[in-house]
Amino acid sequence: MNKLDESQSVLLEQVRASSFLLNKKIKKLEKGIDREMVG
C-alpha cells in the first residue's frame, strides 16, 4: 500500500511539472501572437 502511494505521488509530481511547463509554453505562445497582431 505504501509503495503504491509513493508511485502515485511521484506520478502526480510529474503531471504537475509537465502541466506547469505546458502553461508556460502556452503563455509564451499567446504573448508572441499578441506581438504579431500588434506589429
Protein backbone atom coordinates (compact mmCIF):
# COMPACT_ATOMS: atom_id res chain seq x y z
CA MET A 1 0.00 0.00 0.00
CA ASN A 2 2.80 2.40 0.90
CA LYS A 3 4.66 1.65 -2.34
CA LEU A 4 1.53 2.42 -4.36
CA ASP A 5 1.09 5.75 -2.59
CA GLU A 6 4.72 6.62 -3.31
CA SER A 7 4.46 5.86 -7.02
CA GLN A 8 1.17 7.76 -7.21
CA SER A 9 2.70 10.85 -5.60
CA VAL A 10 5.66 10.65 -7.99
CA LEU A 11 3.25 10.47 -10.92
CA LEU A 12 1.33 13.44 -9.55
CA GLU A 13 4.53 15.46 -9.26
CA GLN A 14 5.42 14.65 -12.86
CA VAL A 15 1.95 15.62 -14.06
CA ARG A 16 2.11 18.87 -12.11
CA ALA A 17 5.53 19.72 -13.51
CA SER A 18 4.53 18.96 -17.10
CA SER A 19 1.28 20.93 -16.86
CA PHE A 20 3.23 23.85 -15.38
CA LEU A 21 5.64 23.73 -18.33
CA LEU A 22 2.71 23.49 -20.75
CA ASN A 23 1.10 26.57 -19.20
CA LYS A 24 4.38 28.46 -19.54
CA LYS A 25 4.68 27.46 -23.21
CA ILE A 26 1.07 28.45 -23.90
CA LYS A 27 1.57 31.84 -22.25
CA LYS A 28 4.72 32.42 -24.31
CA LEU A 29 2.82 31.49 -27.48
CA GLU A 30 -0.03 33.84 -26.56
CA LYS A 31 2.44 36.68 -25.94
CA GLY A 32 4.08 36.03 -29.31
CA ILE A 33 0.69 36.01 -31.04
CA ASP A 34 -0.25 39.29 -29.32
CA ARG A 35 3.01 40.85 -30.52
CA GLU A 36 2.38 39.68 -34.08
CA MET A 37 -1.16 41.08 -34.00
CA VAL A 38 0.04 44.46 -32.69
CA GLY A 39 3.04 44.57 -35.01
